[in-house]
All heavy atoms as atom14 arrays in JSON, in Angstrom:
{
  "sequence": "AALPGIRLALGEVTALALDDRKLTYVDPEGTSRGLEYDR",
  "atom14_mask": [
    [1, 1, 1, 1, 1, 0, 0, 0, 0, 0, 0, 0, 0, 0],
    [1, 1, 1, 1, 1, 0, 0, 0, 0, 0, 0, 0, 0, 0],
    [1, 1, 1, 1, 1, 1, 1, 1, 0, 0, 0, 0, 0, 0],
    [1, 1, 1, 1, 1, 1, 1, 0, 0, 0, 0, 0, 0, 0],
    [1, 1, 1, 1, 0, 0, 0, 0, 0, 0, 0, 0, 0, 0],
    [1, 1, 1, 1, 1, 1, 1, 1, 0, 0, 0, 0, 0, 0],
    [1, 1, 1, 1, 1, 1, 1, 1, 1, 1, 1, 0, 0, 0],
    [1, 1, 1, 1, 1, 1, 1, 1, 0, 0, 0, 0, 0, 0],
    [1, 1, 1, 1, 1, 0, 0, 0, 0, 0, 0, 0, 0, 0],
    [1, 1, 1, 1, 1, 1, 1, 1, 0, 0, 0, 0, 0, 0],
    [1, 1, 1, 1, 0, 0, 0, 0, 0, 0, 0, 0, 0, 0],
    [1, 1, 1, 1, 1, 1, 1, 1, 1, 0, 0, 0, 0, 0],
    [1, 1, 1, 1, 1, 1, 1, 0, 0, 0, 0, 0, 0, 0],
    [1, 1, 1, 1, 1, 1, 1, 0, 0, 0, 0, 0, 0, 0],
    [1, 1, 1, 1, 1, 0, 0, 0, 0, 0, 0, 0, 0, 0],
    [1, 1, 1, 1, 1, 1, 1, 1, 0, 0, 0, 0, 0, 0],
    [1, 1, 1, 1, 1, 0, 0, 0, 0, 0, 0, 0, 0, 0],
    [1, 1, 1, 1, 1, 1, 1, 1, 0, 0, 0, 0, 0, 0],
    [1, 1, 1, 1, 1, 1, 1, 1, 0, 0, 0, 0, 0, 0],
    [1, 1, 1, 1, 1, 1, 1, 1, 0, 0, 0, 0, 0, 0],
    [1, 1, 1, 1, 1, 1, 1, 1, 1, 1, 1, 0, 0, 0],
    [1, 1, 1, 1, 1, 1, 1, 1, 1, 0, 0, 0, 0, 0],
    [1, 1, 1, 1, 1, 1, 1, 1, 0, 0, 0, 0, 0, 0],
    [1, 1, 1, 1, 1, 1, 1, 0, 0, 0, 0, 0, 0, 0],
    [1, 1, 1, 1, 1, 1, 1, 1, 1, 1, 1, 1, 0, 0],
    [1, 1, 1, 1, 1, 1, 1, 0, 0, 0, 0, 0, 0, 0],
    [1, 1, 1, 1, 1, 1, 1, 1, 0, 0, 0, 0, 0, 0],
    [1, 1, 1, 1, 1, 1, 1, 0, 0, 0, 0, 0, 0, 0],
    [1, 1, 1, 1, 1, 1, 1, 1, 1, 0, 0, 0, 0, 0],
    [1, 1, 1, 1, 0, 0, 0, 0, 0, 0, 0, 0, 0, 0],
    [1, 1, 1, 1, 1, 1, 1, 0, 0, 0, 0, 0, 0, 0],
    [1, 1, 1, 1, 1, 1, 0, 0, 0, 0, 0, 0, 0, 0],
    [1, 1, 1, 1, 1, 1, 1, 1, 1, 1, 1, 0, 0, 0],
    [1, 1, 1, 1, 0, 0, 0, 0, 0, 0, 0, 0, 0, 0],
    [1, 1, 1, 1, 1, 1, 1, 1, 0, 0, 0, 0, 0, 0],
    [1, 1, 1, 1, 1, 1, 1, 1, 1, 0, 0, 0, 0, 0],
    [1, 1, 1, 1, 1, 1, 1, 1, 1, 1, 1, 1, 0, 0],
    [1, 1, 1, 1, 1, 1, 1, 1, 0, 0, 0, 0, 0, 0],
    [1, 1, 1, 1, 1, 1, 1, 1, 1, 1, 1, 0, 0, 0]
  ],
  "atom14_positions": [
    [[-8.94, -13.19, -5.32], [-8.75, -14.41, -6.07], [-9.65, -14.52, -7.27], [-9.23, -14.98, -8.35], [-8.94, -15.62, -5.17], [0.0, 0.0, 0.0], [0.0, 0.0, 0.0], [0.0, 0.0, 0.0], [0.0, 0.0, 0.0], [0.0, 0.0, 0.0], [0.0, 0.0, 0.0], [0.0, 0.0, 0.0], [0.0, 0.0, 0.0], [0.0, 0.0, 0.0]],
    [[-10.9, -14.08, -7.14], [-11.86, -14.19, -8.23], [-11.72, -13.08, -9.26], [-12.14, -13.26, -10.41], [-13.29, -14.15, -7.65], [0.0, 0.0, 0.0], [0.0, 0.0, 0.0], [0.0, 0.0, 0.0], [0.0, 0.0, 0.0], [0.0, 0.0, 0.0], [0.0, 0.0, 0.0], [0.0, 0.0, 0.0], [0.0, 0.0, 0.0], [0.0, 0.0, 0.0]],
    [[-11.11, -11.96, -8.86], [-11.0, -10.78, -9.76], [-9.51, -10.36, -9.87], [-9.15, -9.26, -9.46], [-11.87, -9.63, -9.24], [-13.37, -9.92, -9.09], [-14.04, -8.77, -8.36], [-14.01, -10.19, -10.42], [0.0, 0.0, 0.0], [0.0, 0.0, 0.0], [0.0, 0.0, 0.0], [0.0, 0.0, 0.0], [0.0, 0.0, 0.0], [0.0, 0.0, 0.0]],
    [[-8.67, -11.22, -10.4], [-7.27, -10.84, -10.53], [-7.1, -9.66, -11.43], [-7.73, -9.53, -12.49], [-6.63, -12.13, -11.14], [-7.75, -12.8, -11.84], [-8.97, -12.55, -11.0], [0.0, 0.0, 0.0], [0.0, 0.0, 0.0], [0.0, 0.0, 0.0], [0.0, 0.0, 0.0], [0.0, 0.0, 0.0], [0.0, 0.0, 0.0], [0.0, 0.0, 0.0]],
    [[-6.27, -8.71, -11.03], [-6.06, -7.5, -11.81], [-6.82, -6.33, -11.35], [-6.64, -5.19, -11.82], [0.0, 0.0, 0.0], [0.0, 0.0, 0.0], [0.0, 0.0, 0.0], [0.0, 0.0, 0.0], [0.0, 0.0, 0.0], [0.0, 0.0, 0.0], [0.0, 0.0, 0.0], [0.0, 0.0, 0.0], [0.0, 0.0, 0.0], [0.0, 0.0, 0.0]],
    [[-7.79, -6.56, -10.4], [-8.58, -5.47, -9.85], [-8.03, -5.16, -8.44], [-7.81, -6.03, -7.67], [-10.02, -5.81, -9.8], [-10.6, -5.8, -11.21], [-10.79, -4.81, -8.94], [-12.08, -6.07, -11.32], [0.0, 0.0, 0.0], [0.0, 0.0, 0.0], [0.0, 0.0, 0.0], [0.0, 0.0, 0.0], [0.0, 0.0, 0.0], [0.0, 0.0, 0.0]],
    [[-7.8, -3.84, -8.18], [-7.31, -3.46, -6.86], [-8.47, -3.34, -5.87], [-9.47, -2.65, -6.16], [-6.6, -2.13, -6.93], [-6.08, -1.6, -5.58], [-4.97, -0.59, -5.78], [-5.48, 0.69, -6.29], [-5.83, 1.73, -5.51], [-5.82, 1.57, -4.18], [-6.24, 2.83, -6.03], [0.0, 0.0, 0.0], [0.0, 0.0, 0.0], [0.0, 0.0, 0.0]],
    [[-8.35, -4.05, -4.75], [-9.36, -4.0, -3.75], [-9.03, -2.94, -2.69], [-7.94, -2.93, -2.14], [-9.47, -5.37, -3.04], [-10.41, -5.46, -1.84], [-11.87, -5.2, -2.25], [-10.28, -6.8, -1.14], [0.0, 0.0, 0.0], [0.0, 0.0, 0.0], [0.0, 0.0, 0.0], [0.0, 0.0, 0.0], [0.0, 0.0, 0.0], [0.0, 0.0, 0.0]],
    [[-9.99, -2.05, -2.47], [-9.85, -1.04, -1.43], [-10.83, -1.38, -0.33], [-12.04, -1.17, -0.48], [-10.13, 0.36, -1.97], [0.0, 0.0, 0.0], [0.0, 0.0, 0.0], [0.0, 0.0, 0.0], [0.0, 0.0, 0.0], [0.0, 0.0, 0.0], [0.0, 0.0, 0.0], [0.0, 0.0, 0.0], [0.0, 0.0, 0.0], [0.0, 0.0, 0.0]],
    [[-10.32, -1.95, 0.76], [-11.19, -2.35, 1.86], [-11.71, -1.13, 2.59], [-10.95, -0.31, 3.08], [-10.42, -3.23, 2.85], [-10.35, -4.73, 2.57], [-9.52, -5.43, 3.63], [-11.72, -5.33, 2.51], [0.0, 0.0, 0.0], [0.0, 0.0, 0.0], [0.0, 0.0, 0.0], [0.0, 0.0, 0.0], [0.0, 0.0, 0.0], [0.0, 0.0, 0.0]],
    [[-13.04, -1.07, 2.71], [-13.6, 0.09, 3.42], [-15.05, 0.31, 3.08], [-15.6, -0.35, 2.17], [0.0, 0.0, 0.0], [0.0, 0.0, 0.0], [0.0, 0.0, 0.0], [0.0, 0.0, 0.0], [0.0, 0.0, 0.0], [0.0, 0.0, 0.0], [0.0, 0.0, 0.0], [0.0, 0.0, 0.0], [0.0, 0.0, 0.0], [0.0, 0.0, 0.0]],
    [[-15.66, 1.22, 3.77], [-17.05, 1.59, 3.56], [-17.15, 3.01, 3.08], [-16.64, 3.93, 3.71], [-17.84, 1.42, 4.86], [-19.33, 1.68, 4.68], [-20.16, 1.25, 5.9], [-19.58, 0.71, 6.83], [-21.37, 1.47, 5.84], [0.0, 0.0, 0.0], [0.0, 0.0, 0.0], [0.0, 0.0, 0.0], [0.0, 0.0, 0.0], [0.0, 0.0, 0.0]],
    [[-17.77, 3.23, 1.92], [-17.89, 4.58, 1.34], [-18.84, 5.39, 2.22], [-19.96, 4.95, 2.54], [-18.41, 4.48, -0.1], [-18.66, 5.88, -0.64], [-17.38, 3.75, -0.99], [0.0, 0.0, 0.0], [0.0, 0.0, 0.0], [0.0, 0.0, 0.0], [0.0, 0.0, 0.0], [0.0, 0.0, 0.0], [0.0, 0.0, 0.0], [0.0, 0.0, 0.0]],
    [[-18.4, 6.56, 2.58], [-19.2, 7.44, 3.44], [-19.74, 8.67, 2.7], [-20.68, 9.3, 3.18], [-18.35, 7.92, 4.66], [-17.16, 8.55, 4.18], [-18.0, 6.73, 5.55], [0.0, 0.0, 0.0], [0.0, 0.0, 0.0], [0.0, 0.0, 0.0], [0.0, 0.0, 0.0], [0.0, 0.0, 0.0], [0.0, 0.0, 0.0], [0.0, 0.0, 0.0]],
    [[-19.14, 9.02, 1.56], [-19.6, 10.2, 0.84], [-19.25, 10.08, -0.63], [-18.17, 9.56, -0.97], [-18.96, 11.47, 1.41], [0.0, 0.0, 0.0], [0.0, 0.0, 0.0], [0.0, 0.0, 0.0], [0.0, 0.0, 0.0], [0.0, 0.0, 0.0], [0.0, 0.0, 0.0], [0.0, 0.0, 0.0], [0.0, 0.0, 0.0], [0.0, 0.0, 0.0]],
    [[-20.16, 10.58, -1.46], [-19.96, 10.59, -2.92], [-20.0, 12.06, -3.38], [-21.02, 12.73, -3.14], [-21.02, 9.78, -3.66], [-21.06, 8.29, -3.4], [-22.32, 7.66, -4.05], [-19.81, 7.63, -3.99], [0.0, 0.0, 0.0], [0.0, 0.0, 0.0], [0.0, 0.0, 0.0], [0.0, 0.0, 0.0], [0.0, 0.0, 0.0], [0.0, 0.0, 0.0]],
    [[-18.92, 12.56, -3.96], [-18.91, 13.94, -4.49], [-18.86, 13.8, -6.01], [-17.75, 13.84, -6.61], [-17.7, 14.69, -3.94], [0.0, 0.0, 0.0], [0.0, 0.0, 0.0], [0.0, 0.0, 0.0], [0.0, 0.0, 0.0], [0.0, 0.0, 0.0], [0.0, 0.0, 0.0], [0.0, 0.0, 0.0], [0.0, 0.0, 0.0], [0.0, 0.0, 0.0]],
    [[-20.02, 13.64, -6.65], [-20.06, 13.35, -8.05], [-19.56, 14.52, -8.89], [-18.89, 14.3, -9.93], [-21.49, 13.01, -8.47], [-22.14, 11.79, -7.79], [-23.46, 11.44, -8.43], [-21.19, 10.6, -7.8], [0.0, 0.0, 0.0], [0.0, 0.0, 0.0], [0.0, 0.0, 0.0], [0.0, 0.0, 0.0], [0.0, 0.0, 0.0], [0.0, 0.0, 0.0]],
    [[-19.8, 15.76, -8.47], [-19.33, 16.92, -9.23], [-17.8, 17.0, -9.25], [-17.21, 17.45, -10.19], [-19.91, 18.21, -8.66], [-21.4, 18.33, -8.88], [-21.9, 17.69, -9.84], [-22.08, 19.0, -8.09], [0.0, 0.0, 0.0], [0.0, 0.0, 0.0], [0.0, 0.0, 0.0], [0.0, 0.0, 0.0], [0.0, 0.0, 0.0], [0.0, 0.0, 0.0]],
    [[-17.18, 16.52, -8.17], [-15.73, 16.54, -8.05], [-15.12, 15.26, -8.54], [-13.84, 15.12, -8.5], [-15.3, 16.84, -6.6], [-15.79, 18.15, -6.1], [-15.89, 19.08, -6.93], [-16.11, 18.27, -4.9], [0.0, 0.0, 0.0], [0.0, 0.0, 0.0], [0.0, 0.0, 0.0], [0.0, 0.0, 0.0], [0.0, 0.0, 0.0], [0.0, 0.0, 0.0]],
    [[-15.91, 14.28, -8.9], [-15.42, 12.98, -9.32], [-14.52, 12.35, -8.21], [-13.38, 11.91, -8.48], [-14.65, 13.03, -10.65], [-15.5, 13.43, -11.78], [-14.81, 13.17, -13.11], [-15.66, 13.53, -14.26], [-15.43, 13.23, -15.51], [-14.33, 12.5, -15.79], [-16.23, 13.6, -16.47], [0.0, 0.0, 0.0], [0.0, 0.0, 0.0], [0.0, 0.0, 0.0]],
    [[-15.07, 12.32, -7.03], [-14.29, 11.84, -5.9], [-15.23, 11.18, -4.88], [-16.38, 11.58, -4.76], [-13.54, 12.98, -5.24], [-12.65, 12.6, -4.06], [-11.91, 13.82, -3.51], [-11.01, 13.42, -2.35], [-10.27, 14.61, -1.82], [0.0, 0.0, 0.0], [0.0, 0.0, 0.0], [0.0, 0.0, 0.0], [0.0, 0.0, 0.0], [0.0, 0.0, 0.0]],
    [[-14.73, 10.21, -4.16], [-15.52, 9.6, -3.07], [-14.61, 9.48, -1.87], [-13.37, 9.5, -1.95], [-16.08, 8.25, -3.5], [-15.1, 7.13, -3.91], [-14.57, 6.38, -2.71], [-15.81, 6.15, -4.86], [0.0, 0.0, 0.0], [0.0, 0.0, 0.0], [0.0, 0.0, 0.0], [0.0, 0.0, 0.0], [0.0, 0.0, 0.0], [0.0, 0.0, 0.0]],
    [[-15.26, 9.32, -0.71], [-14.53, 9.15, 0.54], [-14.97, 7.81, 1.18], [-16.16, 7.48, 1.2], [-14.85, 10.31, 1.54], [-14.51, 11.52, 0.93], [-14.04, 10.12, 2.82], [0.0, 0.0, 0.0], [0.0, 0.0, 0.0], [0.0, 0.0, 0.0], [0.0, 0.0, 0.0], [0.0, 0.0, 0.0], [0.0, 0.0, 0.0], [0.0, 0.0, 0.0]],
    [[-13.99, 7.06, 1.66], [-14.31, 5.81, 2.34], [-13.46, 5.68, 3.6], [-12.41, 6.31, 3.74], [-14.14, 4.62, 1.44], [-12.7, 4.24, 1.09], [-12.02, 3.29, 1.84], [-12.05, 4.84, 0.02], [-10.74, 2.92, 1.53], [-10.74, 4.48, -0.27], [-10.07, 3.51, 0.47], [-8.79, 3.17, 0.16], [0.0, 0.0, 0.0], [0.0, 0.0, 0.0]],
    [[-13.97, 4.89, 4.54], [-13.29, 4.63, 5.79], [-12.82, 3.17, 5.84], [-13.63, 2.26, 5.63], [-14.19, 4.91, 7.01], [-13.47, 4.57, 8.31], [-14.66, 6.37, 7.01], [0.0, 0.0, 0.0], [0.0, 0.0, 0.0], [0.0, 0.0, 0.0], [0.0, 0.0, 0.0], [0.0, 0.0, 0.0], [0.0, 0.0, 0.0], [0.0, 0.0, 0.0]],
    [[-11.52, 2.95, 6.03], [-11.01, 1.61, 6.01], [-11.27, 0.89, 7.32], [-11.77, 1.5, 8.29], [-9.51, 1.63, 5.66], [-8.6, 2.19, 6.76], [-9.04, 2.24, 7.91], [-7.47, 2.57, 6.44], [0.0, 0.0, 0.0], [0.0, 0.0, 0.0], [0.0, 0.0, 0.0], [0.0, 0.0, 0.0], [0.0, 0.0, 0.0], [0.0, 0.0, 0.0]],
    [[-11.0, -0.42, 7.44], [-11.33, -1.18, 8.65], [-10.68, -0.67, 9.93], [-11.13, -0.99, 11.02], [-10.86, -2.59, 8.32], [-10.88, -2.66, 6.82], [-10.51, -1.31, 6.36], [0.0, 0.0, 0.0], [0.0, 0.0, 0.0], [0.0, 0.0, 0.0], [0.0, 0.0, 0.0], [0.0, 0.0, 0.0], [0.0, 0.0, 0.0], [0.0, 0.0, 0.0]],
    [[-9.61, 0.14, 9.79], [-8.93, 0.68, 10.98], [-9.37, 2.06, 11.32], [-8.83, 2.73, 12.18], [-7.41, 0.62, 10.78], [-6.91, -0.8, 10.63], [-5.37, -0.88, 10.51], [-4.78, 0.19, 10.25], [-4.83, -1.98, 10.69], [0.0, 0.0, 0.0], [0.0, 0.0, 0.0], [0.0, 0.0, 0.0], [0.0, 0.0, 0.0], [0.0, 0.0, 0.0]],
    [[-10.43, 2.54, 10.63], [-11.01, 3.85, 10.92], [-10.37, 5.04, 10.22], [-10.76, 6.18, 10.5], [0.0, 0.0, 0.0], [0.0, 0.0, 0.0], [0.0, 0.0, 0.0], [0.0, 0.0, 0.0], [0.0, 0.0, 0.0], [0.0, 0.0, 0.0], [0.0, 0.0, 0.0], [0.0, 0.0, 0.0], [0.0, 0.0, 0.0], [0.0, 0.0, 0.0]],
    [[-9.46, 4.81, 9.31], [-8.83, 5.91, 8.58], [-9.67, 6.33, 7.4], [-10.12, 5.48, 6.6], [-7.42, 5.46, 8.08], [-6.64, 5.07, 9.17], [-6.73, 6.62, 7.38], [0.0, 0.0, 0.0], [0.0, 0.0, 0.0], [0.0, 0.0, 0.0], [0.0, 0.0, 0.0], [0.0, 0.0, 0.0], [0.0, 0.0, 0.0], [0.0, 0.0, 0.0]],
    [[-9.92, 7.64, 7.28], [-10.71, 8.16, 6.16], [-9.8, 8.38, 4.97], [-8.73, 8.98, 5.09], [-11.37, 9.48, 6.57], [-12.18, 9.97, 5.5], [0.0, 0.0, 0.0], [0.0, 0.0, 0.0], [0.0, 0.0, 0.0], [0.0, 0.0, 0.0], [0.0, 0.0, 0.0], [0.0, 0.0, 0.0], [0.0, 0.0, 0.0], [0.0, 0.0, 0.0]],
    [[-10.2, 7.89, 3.82], [-9.4, 8.02, 2.62], [-10.26, 8.56, 1.45], [-11.43, 8.29, 1.37], [-8.8, 6.67, 2.23], [-7.95, 6.04, 3.34], [-7.44, 4.66, 2.9], [-6.71, 4.0, 3.96], [-5.43, 4.17, 4.23], [-4.73, 5.02, 3.41], [-4.83, 3.55, 5.21], [0.0, 0.0, 0.0], [0.0, 0.0, 0.0], [0.0, 0.0, 0.0]],
    [[-9.61, 9.31, 0.57], [-10.26, 9.81, -0.62], [-9.83, 9.03, -1.84], [-8.74, 8.49, -1.9], [0.0, 0.0, 0.0], [0.0, 0.0, 0.0], [0.0, 0.0, 0.0], [0.0, 0.0, 0.0], [0.0, 0.0, 0.0], [0.0, 0.0, 0.0], [0.0, 0.0, 0.0], [0.0, 0.0, 0.0], [0.0, 0.0, 0.0], [0.0, 0.0, 0.0]],
    [[-10.71, 8.99, -2.86], [-10.42, 8.25, -4.09], [-11.03, 8.97, -5.25], [-12.25, 9.14, -5.3], [-10.94, 6.82, -3.96], [-10.54, 5.78, -5.01], [-9.0, 5.61, -4.99], [-11.23, 4.46, -4.75], [0.0, 0.0, 0.0], [0.0, 0.0, 0.0], [0.0, 0.0, 0.0], [0.0, 0.0, 0.0], [0.0, 0.0, 0.0], [0.0, 0.0, 0.0]],
    [[-10.2, 9.41, -6.18], [-10.72, 10.05, -7.38], [-10.94, 9.04, -8.5], [-10.37, 7.94, -8.48], [-9.72, 11.13, -7.87], [-9.52, 12.24, -6.85], [-8.56, 13.29, -7.33], [-7.82, 13.02, -8.35], [-8.47, 14.38, -6.73], [0.0, 0.0, 0.0], [0.0, 0.0, 0.0], [0.0, 0.0, 0.0], [0.0, 0.0, 0.0], [0.0, 0.0, 0.0]],
    [[-11.82, 9.39, -9.45], [-12.13, 8.44, -10.5], [-12.38, 9.16, -11.82], [-12.71, 10.37, -11.83], [-13.34, 7.61, -10.1], [-14.63, 8.43, -9.88], [-15.43, 8.88, -10.93], [-14.99, 8.83, -8.59], [-16.55, 9.63, -10.73], [-16.14, 9.59, -8.36], [-16.91, 9.99, -9.43], [-18.04, 10.75, -9.22], [0.0, 0.0, 0.0], [0.0, 0.0, 0.0]],
    [[-12.25, 8.41, -12.9], [-12.7, 8.89, -14.23], [-14.04, 8.28, -14.55], [-14.85, 8.93, -15.28], [-11.66, 8.51, -15.24], [-10.31, 9.18, -15.04], [-10.19, 10.39, -15.33], [-9.38, 8.51, -14.54], [0.0, 0.0, 0.0], [0.0, 0.0, 0.0], [0.0, 0.0, 0.0], [0.0, 0.0, 0.0], [0.0, 0.0, 0.0], [0.0, 0.0, 0.0]],
    [[-14.26, 7.08, -14.11], [-15.57, 6.45, -14.29], [-15.95, 5.81, -12.94], [-15.13, 5.29, -12.24], [-15.55, 5.33, -15.37], [-15.18, 5.82, -16.75], [-16.3, 6.67, -17.38], [-16.0, 6.98, -18.75], [-15.24, 7.99, -19.15], [-14.68, 8.8, -18.24], [-15.04, 8.23, -20.43], [0.0, 0.0, 0.0], [0.0, 0.0, 0.0], [0.0, 0.0, 0.0]]
  ]
}
């Protein structure tokens, strides 16, 4: 509600792979997910 236009990814980040520009997070149901970024 406070940040319209921003996508919320519910979860806790467990690993940061800065050289690969990627992070891993675990959602509230225990599923591990990857997320790539430019910034």
